[in-house]
Structure formats: C-alpha cells, structure tokens
N, C-alpha and C. Protein backbone atom coordinates (compact mmCIF):
# COMPACT_ATOMS: atom_id res chain seq x y z
N MET A 1 3.28 -29.39 5.30
CA MET A 1 2.12 -28.96 4.53
C MET A 1 1.04 -28.46 5.49
N SER A 2 0.47 -27.30 5.19
CA SER A 2 -0.53 -26.72 6.06
C SER A 2 -1.85 -27.47 5.93
N SER A 3 -2.54 -27.61 7.06
CA SER A 3 -3.87 -28.23 7.05
C SER A 3 -4.97 -27.18 6.91
N LEU A 4 -4.60 -25.93 6.77
CA LEU A 4 -5.58 -24.86 6.65
C LEU A 4 -6.21 -24.86 5.26
N PRO A 5 -7.41 -24.32 5.11
CA PRO A 5 -8.06 -24.32 3.79
C PRO A 5 -7.31 -23.45 2.79
N ASP A 6 -7.40 -23.81 1.51
CA ASP A 6 -6.73 -23.05 0.46
C ASP A 6 -7.39 -21.69 0.27
N CYS A 7 -6.57 -20.69 -0.07
CA CYS A 7 -7.05 -19.35 -0.43
C CYS A 7 -6.27 -18.88 -1.64
N ALA A 8 -6.79 -17.84 -2.29
CA ALA A 8 -6.09 -17.26 -3.42
C ALA A 8 -4.75 -16.69 -2.97
N MET A 9 -3.76 -16.75 -3.86
CA MET A 9 -2.43 -16.23 -3.57
C MET A 9 -2.49 -14.73 -3.34
N LEU A 10 -1.87 -14.25 -2.25
CA LEU A 10 -1.77 -12.81 -2.01
C LEU A 10 -0.86 -12.22 -3.07
N LYS A 11 -1.21 -11.05 -3.62
CA LYS A 11 -0.48 -10.57 -4.79
C LYS A 11 0.20 -9.22 -4.61
N HIS A 12 -0.40 -8.26 -3.95
CA HIS A 12 0.24 -6.95 -3.84
C HIS A 12 0.26 -6.51 -2.38
N VAL A 13 1.25 -5.68 -2.03
CA VAL A 13 1.15 -4.92 -0.79
C VAL A 13 0.38 -3.65 -1.17
N HIS A 14 -0.92 -3.65 -0.95
CA HIS A 14 -1.72 -2.48 -1.34
C HIS A 14 -1.18 -1.23 -0.66
N HIS A 15 -0.90 -1.33 0.64
CA HIS A 15 -0.21 -0.25 1.33
C HIS A 15 0.43 -0.78 2.60
N SER A 16 1.52 -0.14 2.96
CA SER A 16 2.08 -0.33 4.30
C SER A 16 1.89 1.00 5.02
N ALA A 17 1.59 0.96 6.31
CA ALA A 17 1.20 2.17 7.04
C ALA A 17 2.02 2.33 8.30
N TYR A 18 2.35 3.59 8.61
CA TYR A 18 3.19 3.92 9.75
C TYR A 18 2.65 5.18 10.41
N ARG A 19 3.05 5.41 11.63
CA ARG A 19 2.72 6.66 12.31
C ARG A 19 3.72 7.74 11.89
N CYS A 20 3.26 8.95 11.71
CA CYS A 20 4.16 10.06 11.41
C CYS A 20 4.04 11.15 12.48
N ARG A 21 5.09 11.94 12.60
CA ARG A 21 5.09 13.05 13.55
C ARG A 21 4.17 14.16 13.09
N ASP A 22 4.23 14.46 11.78
CA ASP A 22 3.47 15.59 11.24
C ASP A 22 3.15 15.32 9.78
N ALA A 23 1.89 15.52 9.39
CA ALA A 23 1.45 15.20 8.04
C ALA A 23 2.18 16.03 6.99
N GLU A 24 2.36 17.34 7.22
CA GLU A 24 3.00 18.18 6.22
C GLU A 24 4.49 17.87 6.10
N GLN A 25 5.16 17.62 7.22
CA GLN A 25 6.57 17.22 7.18
C GLN A 25 6.73 15.93 6.37
N THR A 26 5.82 15.00 6.58
CA THR A 26 5.87 13.73 5.87
C THR A 26 5.54 13.92 4.39
N ARG A 27 4.55 14.79 4.09
CA ARG A 27 4.24 15.08 2.69
C ARG A 27 5.43 15.66 1.96
N TRP A 28 6.14 16.61 2.61
CA TRP A 28 7.32 17.21 1.99
C TRP A 28 8.30 16.12 1.58
N PHE A 29 8.56 15.18 2.47
CA PHE A 29 9.59 14.19 2.18
C PHE A 29 9.14 13.22 1.09
N TYR A 30 7.95 12.65 1.23
CA TYR A 30 7.54 11.60 0.29
C TYR A 30 7.08 12.16 -1.06
N GLU A 31 6.52 13.37 -1.07
CA GLU A 31 6.09 13.94 -2.34
C GLU A 31 7.18 14.78 -2.97
N ASP A 32 7.75 15.74 -2.24
CA ASP A 32 8.72 16.66 -2.83
C ASP A 32 10.09 16.02 -3.02
N VAL A 33 10.52 15.19 -2.09
CA VAL A 33 11.84 14.57 -2.18
C VAL A 33 11.79 13.25 -2.95
N LEU A 34 10.89 12.34 -2.55
CA LEU A 34 10.85 11.02 -3.19
C LEU A 34 9.93 10.97 -4.41
N GLY A 35 9.16 12.04 -4.64
CA GLY A 35 8.36 12.10 -5.86
C GLY A 35 7.13 11.23 -5.87
N LEU A 36 6.64 10.83 -4.72
CA LEU A 36 5.43 10.01 -4.63
C LEU A 36 4.23 10.92 -4.38
N PRO A 37 3.30 11.03 -5.32
CA PRO A 37 2.22 12.01 -5.17
C PRO A 37 1.28 11.68 -4.02
N LEU A 38 0.95 12.71 -3.26
CA LEU A 38 -0.09 12.58 -2.23
C LEU A 38 -1.41 12.33 -2.94
N THR A 39 -2.04 11.19 -2.67
CA THR A 39 -3.23 10.77 -3.39
C THR A 39 -4.47 10.78 -2.52
N LEU A 40 -4.32 10.45 -1.25
CA LEU A 40 -5.45 10.47 -0.32
C LEU A 40 -5.01 11.16 0.96
N ALA A 41 -5.85 12.05 1.48
CA ALA A 41 -5.64 12.69 2.78
C ALA A 41 -7.01 12.75 3.45
N MET A 42 -7.21 11.87 4.40
CA MET A 42 -8.54 11.71 5.01
C MET A 42 -8.47 12.01 6.50
N VAL A 43 -9.43 12.78 6.99
CA VAL A 43 -9.49 13.14 8.40
C VAL A 43 -10.63 12.39 9.06
N PHE A 44 -10.34 11.81 10.23
CA PHE A 44 -11.33 11.03 10.97
C PHE A 44 -11.34 11.48 12.43
N ASP A 45 -12.43 11.15 13.13
CA ASP A 45 -12.50 11.48 14.55
C ASP A 45 -12.85 10.26 15.39
N GLU A 46 -12.71 9.06 14.80
CA GLU A 46 -13.06 7.84 15.52
C GLU A 46 -12.17 6.70 15.05
N GLU A 47 -11.66 5.91 15.98
CA GLU A 47 -10.81 4.78 15.64
C GLU A 47 -11.65 3.65 15.05
N PRO A 48 -11.27 3.14 13.87
CA PRO A 48 -12.07 2.07 13.25
C PRO A 48 -12.11 0.82 14.14
N GLY A 49 -13.28 0.23 14.24
CA GLY A 49 -13.42 -1.01 14.96
C GLY A 49 -13.70 -0.87 16.44
N THR A 50 -13.28 0.26 17.04
CA THR A 50 -13.47 0.42 18.48
C THR A 50 -14.45 1.54 18.81
N GLY A 51 -14.56 2.52 17.93
CA GLY A 51 -15.39 3.69 18.21
C GLY A 51 -14.74 4.68 19.14
N ARG A 52 -13.47 4.45 19.52
CA ARG A 52 -12.76 5.37 20.42
C ARG A 52 -12.62 6.73 19.73
N LYS A 53 -12.94 7.80 20.44
CA LYS A 53 -12.87 9.13 19.86
C LYS A 53 -11.43 9.62 19.81
N ILE A 54 -10.95 9.87 18.60
CA ILE A 54 -9.59 10.39 18.42
C ILE A 54 -9.52 11.05 17.05
N ASP A 55 -8.92 12.24 17.00
CA ASP A 55 -8.75 12.95 15.73
C ASP A 55 -7.45 12.48 15.08
N TYR A 56 -7.52 12.10 13.81
CA TYR A 56 -6.30 11.72 13.10
C TYR A 56 -6.49 11.90 11.60
N MET A 57 -5.36 12.03 10.91
CA MET A 57 -5.34 12.09 9.45
C MET A 57 -4.65 10.84 8.92
N HIS A 58 -5.19 10.28 7.82
CA HIS A 58 -4.60 9.13 7.16
C HIS A 58 -4.16 9.56 5.77
N LEU A 59 -2.86 9.47 5.48
CA LEU A 59 -2.27 9.92 4.22
C LEU A 59 -1.84 8.73 3.38
N PHE A 60 -2.03 8.82 2.06
CA PHE A 60 -1.56 7.78 1.14
C PHE A 60 -0.74 8.42 0.02
N PHE A 61 0.46 7.89 -0.21
CA PHE A 61 1.31 8.34 -1.31
C PHE A 61 1.44 7.19 -2.31
N LYS A 62 1.20 7.49 -3.59
CA LYS A 62 1.17 6.45 -4.62
C LYS A 62 2.57 6.20 -5.19
N MET A 63 2.93 4.92 -5.28
CA MET A 63 4.19 4.53 -5.89
C MET A 63 3.99 4.21 -7.36
N GLY A 64 5.07 3.93 -8.06
CA GLY A 64 5.01 3.72 -9.51
C GLY A 64 4.23 2.50 -9.93
N ASP A 65 4.01 1.55 -9.02
CA ASP A 65 3.23 0.35 -9.34
C ASP A 65 1.78 0.47 -8.89
N ASP A 66 1.36 1.68 -8.53
CA ASP A 66 -0.01 1.98 -8.06
C ASP A 66 -0.29 1.45 -6.66
N ASN A 67 0.71 0.93 -5.96
CA ASN A 67 0.56 0.62 -4.54
C ASN A 67 0.89 1.87 -3.74
N PHE A 68 0.69 1.81 -2.43
CA PHE A 68 0.80 3.01 -1.61
C PHE A 68 1.70 2.79 -0.40
N ILE A 69 2.28 3.88 0.08
CA ILE A 69 2.82 3.95 1.42
C ILE A 69 1.95 4.95 2.17
N ALA A 70 1.51 4.60 3.37
CA ALA A 70 0.52 5.38 4.09
C ALA A 70 1.01 5.75 5.48
N PHE A 71 0.40 6.80 6.03
CA PHE A 71 0.80 7.30 7.36
C PHE A 71 -0.43 7.73 8.14
N PHE A 72 -0.31 7.61 9.45
CA PHE A 72 -1.29 8.15 10.38
C PHE A 72 -0.66 9.32 11.12
N ASP A 73 -1.31 10.48 11.07
CA ASP A 73 -0.93 11.63 11.91
C ASP A 73 -1.96 11.71 13.02
N ALA A 74 -1.61 11.16 14.19
CA ALA A 74 -2.52 11.13 15.35
C ALA A 74 -1.77 11.74 16.53
N PRO A 75 -1.77 13.08 16.63
CA PRO A 75 -0.94 13.74 17.64
C PRO A 75 -1.37 13.47 19.08
N ASP A 76 -2.64 13.18 19.30
CA ASP A 76 -3.11 12.94 20.66
C ASP A 76 -2.52 11.63 21.17
N GLY A 77 -1.66 11.74 22.18
CA GLY A 77 -1.04 10.56 22.76
C GLY A 77 0.25 10.13 22.10
N ALA A 78 0.68 10.82 21.03
CA ALA A 78 1.95 10.46 20.39
C ALA A 78 3.13 10.88 21.26
N ASP A 79 4.20 10.14 21.16
CA ASP A 79 5.41 10.39 21.95
C ASP A 79 6.58 10.59 21.00
N GLU A 80 7.39 11.62 21.24
CA GLU A 80 8.54 11.90 20.38
C GLU A 80 9.47 10.69 20.27
N LYS A 81 9.49 9.85 21.29
CA LYS A 81 10.35 8.66 21.24
C LYS A 81 9.99 7.74 20.06
N LEU A 82 8.74 7.82 19.62
CA LEU A 82 8.31 6.98 18.50
C LEU A 82 9.03 7.32 17.21
N PHE A 83 9.60 8.53 17.14
CA PHE A 83 10.17 9.01 15.89
C PHE A 83 11.70 9.07 15.91
N ARG A 84 12.29 8.45 16.93
CA ARG A 84 13.74 8.31 16.92
C ARG A 84 14.15 7.32 15.83
N PRO A 85 15.29 7.51 15.17
CA PRO A 85 15.72 6.56 14.14
C PRO A 85 15.78 5.13 14.68
N ARG A 86 15.16 4.22 13.96
CA ARG A 86 15.10 2.83 14.38
C ARG A 86 16.13 1.97 13.66
N SER A 87 16.44 0.86 14.26
CA SER A 87 17.34 -0.10 13.62
C SER A 87 16.64 -0.73 12.43
N ALA A 88 17.39 -0.92 11.35
CA ALA A 88 16.82 -1.60 10.18
C ALA A 88 16.46 -3.04 10.50
N PHE A 89 17.05 -3.62 11.56
CA PHE A 89 16.64 -4.96 12.00
C PHE A 89 15.21 -4.96 12.51
N ASP A 90 14.76 -3.83 13.06
CA ASP A 90 13.42 -3.74 13.61
C ASP A 90 12.38 -3.39 12.55
N LEU A 91 12.79 -2.55 11.61
CA LEU A 91 11.84 -2.05 10.62
C LEU A 91 12.62 -1.38 9.51
N HIS A 92 12.29 -1.69 8.27
CA HIS A 92 12.72 -0.84 7.16
C HIS A 92 11.85 -1.12 5.95
N LEU A 93 11.87 -0.17 5.02
CA LEU A 93 11.06 -0.25 3.81
C LEU A 93 11.99 -0.05 2.62
N ALA A 94 11.93 -0.96 1.64
CA ALA A 94 12.83 -0.89 0.48
C ALA A 94 12.03 -0.64 -0.79
N PHE A 95 12.41 0.42 -1.52
CA PHE A 95 11.85 0.69 -2.83
C PHE A 95 12.80 0.12 -3.88
N GLU A 96 12.35 0.06 -5.14
CA GLU A 96 13.19 -0.50 -6.20
C GLU A 96 13.24 0.43 -7.40
N VAL A 97 14.44 0.55 -7.99
CA VAL A 97 14.62 1.21 -9.29
C VAL A 97 15.29 0.21 -10.23
N ASP A 98 15.51 0.63 -11.47
CA ASP A 98 15.94 -0.33 -12.50
C ASP A 98 17.43 -0.35 -12.79
N THR A 99 18.14 0.77 -12.58
CA THR A 99 19.54 0.82 -13.01
C THR A 99 20.44 1.42 -11.94
N ARG A 100 21.73 1.15 -12.07
CA ARG A 100 22.72 1.73 -11.16
C ARG A 100 22.73 3.26 -11.27
N GLU A 101 22.52 3.77 -12.48
CA GLU A 101 22.50 5.22 -12.68
C GLU A 101 21.33 5.85 -11.93
N GLU A 102 20.17 5.20 -11.97
CA GLU A 102 19.02 5.71 -11.24
C GLU A 102 19.27 5.68 -9.74
N LEU A 103 19.93 4.63 -9.28
CA LEU A 103 20.24 4.52 -7.85
C LEU A 103 21.14 5.67 -7.41
N LYS A 104 22.18 5.96 -8.18
CA LYS A 104 23.10 7.05 -7.83
C LYS A 104 22.41 8.41 -7.92
N ALA A 105 21.51 8.55 -8.89
CA ALA A 105 20.77 9.82 -9.01
C ALA A 105 19.90 10.05 -7.78
N TRP A 106 19.27 8.98 -7.28
CA TRP A 106 18.48 9.11 -6.06
C TRP A 106 19.35 9.45 -4.86
N ARG A 107 20.52 8.89 -4.78
CA ARG A 107 21.43 9.23 -3.67
C ARG A 107 21.78 10.71 -3.70
N ARG A 108 22.09 11.25 -4.88
CA ARG A 108 22.41 12.68 -4.99
C ARG A 108 21.21 13.53 -4.60
N ARG A 109 20.03 13.17 -5.10
CA ARG A 109 18.82 13.96 -4.82
C ARG A 109 18.51 14.00 -3.33
N ILE A 110 18.58 12.84 -2.67
CA ILE A 110 18.26 12.77 -1.25
C ILE A 110 19.28 13.54 -0.43
N ASN A 111 20.55 13.42 -0.77
CA ASN A 111 21.57 14.20 -0.08
C ASN A 111 21.35 15.69 -0.27
N GLN A 112 21.00 16.11 -1.48
CA GLN A 112 20.79 17.53 -1.75
C GLN A 112 19.57 18.06 -1.01
N ALA A 113 18.64 17.21 -0.65
CA ALA A 113 17.47 17.61 0.13
C ALA A 113 17.78 17.72 1.62
N GLY A 114 19.04 17.43 1.99
CA GLY A 114 19.44 17.55 3.39
C GLY A 114 19.24 16.30 4.21
N ARG A 115 18.97 15.17 3.54
CA ARG A 115 18.79 13.90 4.23
C ARG A 115 19.98 13.01 3.88
N PRO A 116 20.89 12.73 4.82
CA PRO A 116 22.07 11.92 4.53
C PRO A 116 21.68 10.56 3.94
N CYS A 117 22.37 10.20 2.85
CA CYS A 117 22.10 8.95 2.14
C CYS A 117 23.42 8.31 1.79
N PHE A 118 23.58 7.02 2.10
CA PHE A 118 24.87 6.37 1.85
C PHE A 118 24.66 5.09 1.04
N GLY A 119 25.76 4.62 0.46
CA GLY A 119 25.76 3.46 -0.41
C GLY A 119 26.22 3.87 -1.80
N PRO A 120 26.10 2.98 -2.80
CA PRO A 120 25.45 1.67 -2.75
C PRO A 120 26.25 0.63 -1.96
N ILE A 121 25.52 -0.25 -1.30
CA ILE A 121 26.08 -1.40 -0.61
C ILE A 121 25.79 -2.65 -1.44
N ASP A 122 26.82 -3.47 -1.63
CA ASP A 122 26.70 -4.69 -2.41
C ASP A 122 26.23 -5.84 -1.52
N HIS A 123 25.05 -6.38 -1.80
CA HIS A 123 24.50 -7.51 -1.04
C HIS A 123 24.58 -8.81 -1.84
N ASP A 124 25.42 -8.84 -2.85
CA ASP A 124 25.68 -10.03 -3.68
C ASP A 124 24.58 -10.32 -4.71
N PHE A 125 23.35 -9.92 -4.45
CA PHE A 125 22.32 -10.10 -5.46
C PHE A 125 21.53 -8.81 -5.70
N ILE A 126 21.69 -7.82 -4.81
CA ILE A 126 21.15 -6.48 -5.00
C ILE A 126 22.19 -5.46 -4.53
N HIS A 127 22.07 -4.23 -5.02
CA HIS A 127 22.81 -3.08 -4.51
C HIS A 127 21.81 -2.09 -3.94
N SER A 128 22.13 -1.48 -2.80
CA SER A 128 21.16 -0.62 -2.11
C SER A 128 21.80 0.64 -1.55
N ILE A 129 21.01 1.71 -1.51
CA ILE A 129 21.36 2.92 -0.77
C ILE A 129 20.40 3.04 0.41
N TYR A 130 20.83 3.79 1.46
CA TYR A 130 20.09 3.82 2.72
C TYR A 130 19.98 5.24 3.25
N PHE A 131 18.83 5.52 3.89
CA PHE A 131 18.58 6.83 4.47
C PHE A 131 17.40 6.71 5.41
N PHE A 132 17.07 7.78 6.15
CA PHE A 132 15.94 7.80 7.07
C PHE A 132 14.92 8.84 6.61
N ASP A 133 13.64 8.53 6.84
CA ASP A 133 12.63 9.55 6.61
C ASP A 133 12.52 10.42 7.87
N PRO A 134 11.72 11.50 7.87
CA PRO A 134 11.65 12.39 9.04
C PRO A 134 11.03 11.73 10.27
N ASN A 135 10.45 10.54 10.11
CA ASN A 135 9.82 9.85 11.23
C ASN A 135 10.70 8.76 11.84
N GLY A 136 11.96 8.72 11.43
CA GLY A 136 12.89 7.74 11.96
C GLY A 136 12.80 6.37 11.31
N ILE A 137 12.07 6.25 10.20
CA ILE A 137 11.92 4.98 9.51
C ILE A 137 13.11 4.77 8.57
N PRO A 138 13.84 3.67 8.71
CA PRO A 138 14.94 3.39 7.77
C PRO A 138 14.38 3.03 6.40
N LEU A 139 14.88 3.69 5.37
CA LEU A 139 14.44 3.46 4.00
C LEU A 139 15.62 3.00 3.15
N GLU A 140 15.29 2.28 2.10
CA GLU A 140 16.28 1.69 1.20
C GLU A 140 15.76 1.84 -0.22
N ILE A 141 16.66 2.13 -1.15
CA ILE A 141 16.34 2.02 -2.57
C ILE A 141 17.32 1.01 -3.14
N THR A 142 16.81 0.06 -3.91
CA THR A 142 17.63 -1.06 -4.34
C THR A 142 17.47 -1.33 -5.82
N ILE A 143 18.48 -1.98 -6.42
CA ILE A 143 18.39 -2.49 -7.78
C ILE A 143 18.77 -3.97 -7.75
N LYS A 144 18.17 -4.73 -8.65
CA LYS A 144 18.52 -6.14 -8.79
C LYS A 144 19.78 -6.28 -9.64
N ASP A 145 20.73 -7.09 -9.17
CA ASP A 145 21.93 -7.38 -9.94
C ASP A 145 21.63 -8.42 -11.01
N ALA A 146 22.60 -8.62 -11.92
CA ALA A 146 22.42 -9.61 -12.98
C ALA A 146 22.23 -11.02 -12.41
N SER A 147 22.80 -11.26 -11.22
CA SER A 147 22.72 -12.58 -10.60
C SER A 147 21.44 -12.79 -9.79
N TYR A 148 20.56 -11.81 -9.78
CA TYR A 148 19.42 -11.83 -8.86
C TYR A 148 18.57 -13.09 -8.99
N GLU A 149 18.13 -13.40 -10.21
CA GLU A 149 17.22 -14.53 -10.39
C GLU A 149 17.88 -15.84 -10.01
N ALA A 150 19.15 -16.01 -10.35
CA ALA A 150 19.85 -17.26 -10.03
C ALA A 150 20.02 -17.41 -8.52
N VAL A 151 20.35 -16.31 -7.83
CA VAL A 151 20.52 -16.37 -6.38
C VAL A 151 19.20 -16.68 -5.69
N VAL A 152 18.13 -16.04 -6.13
CA VAL A 152 16.82 -16.28 -5.54
C VAL A 152 16.39 -17.74 -5.75
N ALA A 153 16.60 -18.27 -6.96
CA ALA A 153 16.22 -19.66 -7.25
C ALA A 153 17.01 -20.63 -6.39
N GLU A 154 18.32 -20.38 -6.24
CA GLU A 154 19.15 -21.26 -5.42
C GLU A 154 18.73 -21.20 -3.95
N ASP A 155 18.50 -19.99 -3.45
CA ASP A 155 18.09 -19.85 -2.05
C ASP A 155 16.71 -20.45 -1.80
N ALA A 156 15.81 -20.33 -2.76
CA ALA A 156 14.48 -20.90 -2.59
C ALA A 156 14.53 -22.41 -2.40
N ALA A 157 15.47 -23.05 -3.07
CA ALA A 157 15.59 -24.50 -2.97
C ALA A 157 16.09 -24.94 -1.60
N ASN A 158 16.79 -24.03 -0.90
CA ASN A 158 17.39 -24.39 0.39
C ASN A 158 16.75 -23.69 1.57
N ALA A 159 15.74 -22.87 1.34
CA ALA A 159 15.23 -21.98 2.39
C ALA A 159 14.74 -22.74 3.61
N HIS A 160 13.97 -23.80 3.42
CA HIS A 160 13.41 -24.50 4.57
C HIS A 160 14.47 -25.25 5.37
N SER A 161 15.45 -25.83 4.69
CA SER A 161 16.50 -26.55 5.42
C SER A 161 17.37 -25.56 6.19
N LEU A 162 17.66 -24.41 5.62
CA LEU A 162 18.44 -23.39 6.33
C LEU A 162 17.66 -22.85 7.53
N LEU A 163 16.37 -22.66 7.36
CA LEU A 163 15.54 -22.20 8.48
C LEU A 163 15.54 -23.22 9.61
N LYS A 164 15.45 -24.50 9.28
CA LYS A 164 15.45 -25.56 10.29
C LYS A 164 16.77 -25.53 11.07
N ALA A 165 17.88 -25.41 10.36
CA ALA A 165 19.19 -25.38 11.02
C ALA A 165 19.33 -24.14 11.90
N TRP A 166 18.85 -23.00 11.41
CA TRP A 166 18.92 -21.75 12.19
C TRP A 166 18.07 -21.85 13.45
N THR A 167 16.87 -22.43 13.33
CA THR A 167 16.00 -22.60 14.48
C THR A 167 16.66 -23.45 15.55
N GLU A 168 17.29 -24.53 15.13
CA GLU A 168 17.98 -25.41 16.09
C GLU A 168 19.16 -24.69 16.74
N LYS A 169 19.87 -23.89 15.97
CA LYS A 169 21.04 -23.18 16.48
C LYS A 169 20.66 -22.12 17.51
N THR A 170 19.55 -21.43 17.30
CA THR A 170 19.20 -20.27 18.12
C THR A 170 18.13 -20.56 19.17
N ARG A 171 17.59 -21.77 19.20
CA ARG A 171 16.47 -22.07 20.09
C ARG A 171 16.81 -21.82 21.56
N ALA A 172 17.95 -22.29 22.03
CA ALA A 172 18.29 -22.18 23.45
C ALA A 172 18.37 -20.71 23.87
N LEU A 173 19.02 -19.89 23.06
CA LEU A 173 19.14 -18.47 23.38
C LEU A 173 17.76 -17.81 23.41
N LYS A 174 16.92 -18.15 22.46
CA LYS A 174 15.60 -17.55 22.39
C LYS A 174 14.72 -18.00 23.55
N GLU A 175 14.88 -19.24 23.98
CA GLU A 175 14.12 -19.69 25.16
C GLU A 175 14.51 -18.90 26.39
N GLN A 176 15.81 -18.58 26.51
CA GLN A 176 16.27 -17.76 27.64
C GLN A 176 15.70 -16.35 27.54
N THR A 177 15.59 -15.83 26.33
CA THR A 177 15.16 -14.44 26.13
C THR A 177 13.64 -14.29 26.16
N PHE A 178 12.94 -15.19 25.49
CA PHE A 178 11.50 -15.02 25.31
C PHE A 178 10.66 -16.05 26.06
N GLY A 179 11.25 -17.21 26.34
CA GLY A 179 10.50 -18.31 26.94
C GLY A 179 9.97 -19.25 25.87
N ALA A 180 9.91 -20.54 26.19
CA ALA A 180 9.47 -21.54 25.21
C ALA A 180 8.03 -21.33 24.80
N ASP A 181 7.17 -20.91 25.73
CA ASP A 181 5.75 -20.73 25.40
C ASP A 181 5.56 -19.67 24.31
N ALA A 182 6.34 -18.60 24.40
CA ALA A 182 6.23 -17.54 23.39
C ALA A 182 6.68 -18.04 22.02
N LEU A 183 7.74 -18.85 21.99
CA LEU A 183 8.25 -19.37 20.72
C LEU A 183 7.28 -20.35 20.08
N ASP A 184 6.60 -21.11 20.89
CA ASP A 184 5.72 -22.16 20.37
C ASP A 184 4.30 -21.67 20.11
N LEU A 185 3.99 -20.43 20.47
CA LEU A 185 2.65 -19.89 20.30
C LEU A 185 2.31 -19.75 18.82
N ARG A 186 1.16 -20.22 18.42
CA ARG A 186 0.70 -20.08 17.03
C ARG A 186 -0.63 -19.34 16.95
N GLY A 187 -1.38 -19.29 18.01
CA GLY A 187 -2.61 -18.50 18.02
C GLY A 187 -2.33 -17.11 18.57
N ILE A 188 -3.35 -16.46 19.11
CA ILE A 188 -3.20 -15.14 19.71
C ILE A 188 -3.16 -15.29 21.22
N ASP A 189 -2.15 -14.71 21.84
CA ASP A 189 -2.07 -14.73 23.30
C ASP A 189 -3.02 -13.66 23.85
N MET A 190 -4.19 -14.08 24.26
CA MET A 190 -5.22 -13.13 24.70
C MET A 190 -4.84 -12.41 25.99
N SER A 191 -3.83 -12.92 26.69
CA SER A 191 -3.41 -12.24 27.92
C SER A 191 -2.60 -10.99 27.64
N LYS A 192 -2.10 -10.84 26.38
CA LYS A 192 -1.25 -9.71 26.05
C LYS A 192 -1.99 -8.57 25.35
N ALA A 193 -3.24 -8.78 24.96
CA ALA A 193 -3.96 -7.73 24.23
C ALA A 193 -5.45 -7.81 24.54
N ASP A 194 -6.09 -6.66 24.52
CA ASP A 194 -7.53 -6.57 24.78
C ASP A 194 -8.26 -6.38 23.45
N PHE A 195 -8.92 -7.43 22.99
CA PHE A 195 -9.66 -7.37 21.74
C PHE A 195 -11.16 -7.18 21.97
N SER A 196 -11.55 -6.94 23.23
CA SER A 196 -12.98 -6.92 23.55
C SER A 196 -13.72 -5.81 22.83
N ARG A 197 -13.10 -4.63 22.74
CA ARG A 197 -13.80 -3.52 22.10
C ARG A 197 -13.98 -3.77 20.60
N ILE A 198 -12.95 -4.35 19.97
CA ILE A 198 -13.05 -4.65 18.55
C ILE A 198 -14.11 -5.72 18.32
N LYS A 199 -14.09 -6.75 19.15
CA LYS A 199 -15.07 -7.82 19.02
C LYS A 199 -16.49 -7.29 19.19
N ASN A 200 -16.67 -6.45 20.21
CA ASN A 200 -18.01 -5.90 20.47
C ASN A 200 -18.47 -5.02 19.32
N ALA A 201 -17.53 -4.23 18.77
CA ALA A 201 -17.90 -3.36 17.66
C ALA A 201 -18.29 -4.19 16.44
N SER A 202 -17.56 -5.31 16.22
CA SER A 202 -17.87 -6.18 15.07
C SER A 202 -19.21 -6.85 15.26
N ASN A 203 -19.49 -7.32 16.48
CA ASN A 203 -20.76 -8.00 16.74
C ASN A 203 -21.95 -7.08 16.56
N LYS A 204 -21.74 -5.81 16.86
CA LYS A 204 -22.83 -4.83 16.75
C LYS A 204 -23.33 -4.72 15.31
N ASP A 205 -22.38 -4.86 14.35
CA ASP A 205 -22.74 -4.71 12.95
C ASP A 205 -23.03 -6.03 12.25
N ALA A 206 -22.91 -7.14 12.98
CA ALA A 206 -23.09 -8.45 12.35
C ALA A 206 -24.55 -8.68 12.04
N PRO A 207 -24.82 -9.40 10.93
CA PRO A 207 -26.22 -9.69 10.58
C PRO A 207 -26.85 -10.62 11.60
N GLN A 208 -28.11 -10.40 11.90
CA GLN A 208 -28.82 -11.19 12.91
C GLN A 208 -29.53 -12.37 12.26
C-alpha cells in the first residue's frame, strides 16, 4: 500500500506525443490514411519551461474518443536515426476498433496506401494488425475478443504475484545489465539529467 497522499483517478490519455520527421508527411498518414483529423497545428519559437530558442510545430490529431495523438516537428538538431523503425518492445501505440470486419478493412486500406500491414495476430484475448508510421513508430489496431473481460479479470487477480515472481527471476540479469542502484532507484537520479533551467524558469514565474 502506498504511503503517498490520495489523488483523483487518472482517466484519459489526453494525448501521447512523439517527434516526427516532417509535419506534412505525418499529416498525410494520420489524416488521409488513418482518418484522424488534424485539429491543432501550432508554431512556437521557444521551448516550454526552459526558454531555449528553437522553432518547432506541435500537431494534434483527434481520435474517435476525443483524445489526441500529437507530434513535434523540430528539424533543428533532429537526426534521421530517430526515425528508423523501432522495436515494438521499445515503443508502440495501439488503436482499437469494434469488429473483425473493421480490423480487416483497416488492413486493406493501410496496404493500399503503400504501408505494409500484417495480421490479424491472435493474442488469446485480442486480435491485432501491425504496421509502421512514416516516423518509424510501430502501430497496432486491435479488437477485443469475446474472452477479453474474463481474461483481464483473471489476470488482474494474479498480476502482483506474477510480477513478484518475474522480478525474482530476472533480478540477477538486470543487476548485471543495469546495476542494483538503477533498479532500486525510486526518485530522480539528478546525475543523469540537468533540470536547472526548468527549475529556474519555474521559479521565475512563482508567486512571491
């Protein structure tokens, strides 16, 4: 049980945000191919919180539940390596539809747009198709199977005990890879990041 103070339950992912290679290339894919309307396109010349001068565009595409997927187009300092296809173990984003027919229709549409899409893959409680966006982000569209609620309820009852067993099984390997200090860290390792500019910017606007 956490000793931290209670807060209201978090309810929506208002937006998830990623870097993109090019705003128009990204708009084509998310609006024209995936059908998510471009809703916000904002241009800035300063990094929030630090005041660092940099030109960038922030894009928001609206999903069917009124939440957003967002992108930053910040070409200054960007590296093409950032947009190589990534492993789904490192990062992926999954959308949801309601029926197997809708899932197959999306696979056909994405393939016809010139973006290879494969599946459906059976995960025992969901079926999913997979593809990449132009920025190398692995994407998934999924449907819930009839067994979904039962599987989730059963797994929820065992989640903490399975996590405990997994932690014990993998601890030695992770200590070799990351070190015990990194595994046991619960605060912020100030030696790995410079928060001074953000802190100073926040203090500047704080009430006196």
